[in-house]
């Protein structure tokens, strides 16, 4: 496969599958320069995920505390 055919195949795949970004670049922080607005949006998103995770953990703990725990036989 020649370079032009390879690039055309990649472009067709991206166009047909609607991929607009590299998944790796979206999943982890990069060493690139990030626009200030994007940096704020990322920090806001991270804070929201952290709050949601903390609420989920707290709710899980409340459910556990609300259960009746019976003593095991012999205790």
C-alpha atoms as a PDB file:
ATOM      1  CA  UNK A   1       0.000   0.000   0.000  1.00  0.00           C
ATOM      2  CA  UNK A   2       1.444   3.358  -0.996  1.00  0.00           C
ATOM      3  CA  UNK A   3       1.539   6.320   1.382  1.00  0.00           C
ATOM      4  CA  UNK A   4      -1.259   8.105  -0.514  1.00  0.00           C
ATOM      5  CA  UNK A   5      -3.501   5.011  -0.325  1.00  0.00           C
ATOM      6  CA  UNK A   6      -2.742   4.625   3.374  1.00  0.00           C
ATOM      7  CA  UNK A   7      -3.599   8.257   4.119  1.00  0.00           C
ATOM      8  CA  UNK A   8      -6.777   8.011   2.029  1.00  0.00           C
ATOM      9  CA  UNK A   9      -7.819   4.855   3.910  1.00  0.00           C
ATOM     10  CA  UNK A  10      -7.236   6.550   7.271  1.00  0.00           C
ATOM     11  CA  UNK A  11      -9.155   9.655   6.179  1.00  0.00           C
ATOM     12  CA  UNK A  12     -12.068   7.503   4.975  1.00  0.00           C
ATOM     13  CA  UNK A  13     -12.123   5.558   8.240  1.00  0.00           C
ATOM     14  CA  UNK A  14     -12.143   8.751  10.299  1.00  0.00           C
ATOM     15  CA  UNK A  15     -14.839  10.317   8.127  1.00  0.00           C
ATOM     16  CA  UNK A  16     -17.061   7.210   8.236  1.00  0.00           C
ATOM     17  CA  UNK A  17     -16.680   6.627  11.984  1.00  0.00           C
ATOM     18  CA  UNK A  18     -16.962  10.231  13.095  1.00  0.00           C
ATOM     19  CA  UNK A  19     -13.674  10.215  14.996  1.00  0.00           C
ATOM     20  CA  UNK A  20     -12.490  13.764  15.584  1.00  0.00           C
ATOM     21  CA  UNK A  21      -9.706  13.299  18.135  1.00  0.00           C
ATOM     22  CA  UNK A  22      -7.031  10.822  19.094  1.00  0.00           C
ATOM     23  CA  UNK A  23      -8.479   8.719  21.970  1.00  0.00           C
ATOM     24  CA  UNK A  24      -5.127   8.686  23.766  1.00  0.00           C
ATOM     25  CA  UNK A  25      -4.906  12.469  23.739  1.00  0.00           C
ATOM     26  CA  UNK A  26      -8.391  12.705  25.217  1.00  0.00           C
ATOM     27  CA  UNK A  27      -7.731  10.164  27.969  1.00  0.00           C
ATOM     28  CA  UNK A  28      -4.557  11.484  29.568  1.00  0.00           C
ATOM     29  CA  UNK A  29      -2.939  14.854  30.111  1.00  0.00           C
ATOM     30  CA  UNK A  30      -0.457  15.842  27.435  1.00  0.00           C
ATOM     31  CA  UNK A  31       2.637  17.991  27.360  1.00  0.00           C
ATOM     32  CA  UNK A  32       1.104  20.263  24.732  1.00  0.00           C
ATOM     33  CA  UNK A  33       0.018  23.835  25.274  1.00  0.00           C
ATOM     34  CA  UNK A  34      -3.591  23.963  26.382  1.00  0.00           C
ATOM     35  CA  UNK A  35      -5.745  27.033  25.854  1.00  0.00           C
ATOM     36  CA  UNK A  36      -6.792  28.728  29.120  1.00  0.00           C
ATOM     37  CA  UNK A  37     -10.499  28.131  28.433  1.00  0.00           C
ATOM     38  CA  UNK A  38      -9.852  24.426  27.828  1.00  0.00           C
ATOM     39  CA  UNK A  39      -7.747  24.239  30.980  1.00  0.00           C
ATOM     40  CA  UNK A  40     -10.610  25.717  33.041  1.00  0.00           C
ATOM     41  CA  UNK A  41     -13.107  23.335  31.425  1.00  0.00           C
ATOM     42  CA  UNK A  42     -10.860  20.360  32.229  1.00  0.00           C
ATOM     43  CA  UNK A  43     -10.452  21.462  35.851  1.00  0.00           C
ATOM     44  CA  UNK A  44     -14.221  21.962  36.179  1.00  0.00           C
ATOM     45  CA  UNK A  45     -14.858  18.527  34.709  1.00  0.00           C
ATOM     46  CA  UNK A  46     -12.301  16.907  37.030  1.00  0.00           C
ATOM     47  CA  UNK A  47     -13.839  18.628  40.059  1.00  0.00           C
ATOM     48  CA  UNK A  48     -17.348  17.494  39.059  1.00  0.00           C
ATOM     49  CA  UNK A  49     -16.152  13.900  38.638  1.00  0.00           C
ATOM     50  CA  UNK A  50     -14.432  14.031  42.014  1.00  0.00           C
ATOM     51  CA  UNK A  51     -17.607  15.345  43.722  1.00  0.00           C
ATOM     52  CA  UNK A  52     -19.710  12.665  42.032  1.00  0.00           C
ATOM     53  CA  UNK A  53     -17.245   9.979  43.154  1.00  0.00           C
ATOM     54  CA  UNK A  54     -17.285  11.299  46.744  1.00  0.00           C
ATOM     55  CA  UNK A  55     -21.098  11.391  46.800  1.00  0.00           C
ATOM     56  CA  UNK A  56     -21.233   7.836  45.494  1.00  0.00           C
ATOM     57  CA  UNK A  57     -18.833   6.673  48.194  1.00  0.00           C
ATOM     58  CA  UNK A  58     -20.813   8.507  50.881  1.00  0.00           C
ATOM     59  CA  UNK A  59     -24.096   7.017  49.648  1.00  0.00           C
ATOM     60  CA  UNK A  60     -22.534   3.569  49.652  1.00  0.00           C
ATOM     61  CA  UNK A  61     -21.420   4.046  53.256  1.00  0.00           C
ATOM     62  CA  UNK A  62     -24.899   5.171  54.322  1.00  0.00           C
ATOM     63  CA  UNK A  63     -26.480   2.108  52.759  1.00  0.00           C
ATOM     64  CA  UNK A  64     -24.004  -0.100  54.605  1.00  0.00           C
ATOM     65  CA  UNK A  65     -24.640   1.600  57.959  1.00  0.00           C
ATOM     66  CA  UNK A  66     -28.379   1.205  57.517  1.00  0.00           C
ATOM     67  CA  UNK A  67     -28.232  -2.579  57.329  1.00  0.00           C
ATOM     68  CA  UNK A  68     -28.794  -4.819  60.277  1.00  0.00           C
ATOM     69  CA  UNK A  69     -25.806  -7.030  60.916  1.00  0.00           C
ATOM     70  CA  UNK A  70     -26.607 -10.230  62.770  1.00  0.00           C
ATOM     71  CA  UNK A  71     -24.047 -11.856  65.008  1.00  0.00           C
ATOM     72  CA  UNK A  72     -22.558 -15.059  63.698  1.00  0.00           C
ATOM     73  CA  UNK A  73     -23.391 -18.242  65.588  1.00  0.00           C
ATOM     74  CA  UNK A  74     -20.980 -18.791  68.429  1.00  0.00           C
ATOM     75  CA  UNK A  75     -20.044 -15.126  68.842  1.00  0.00           C
END
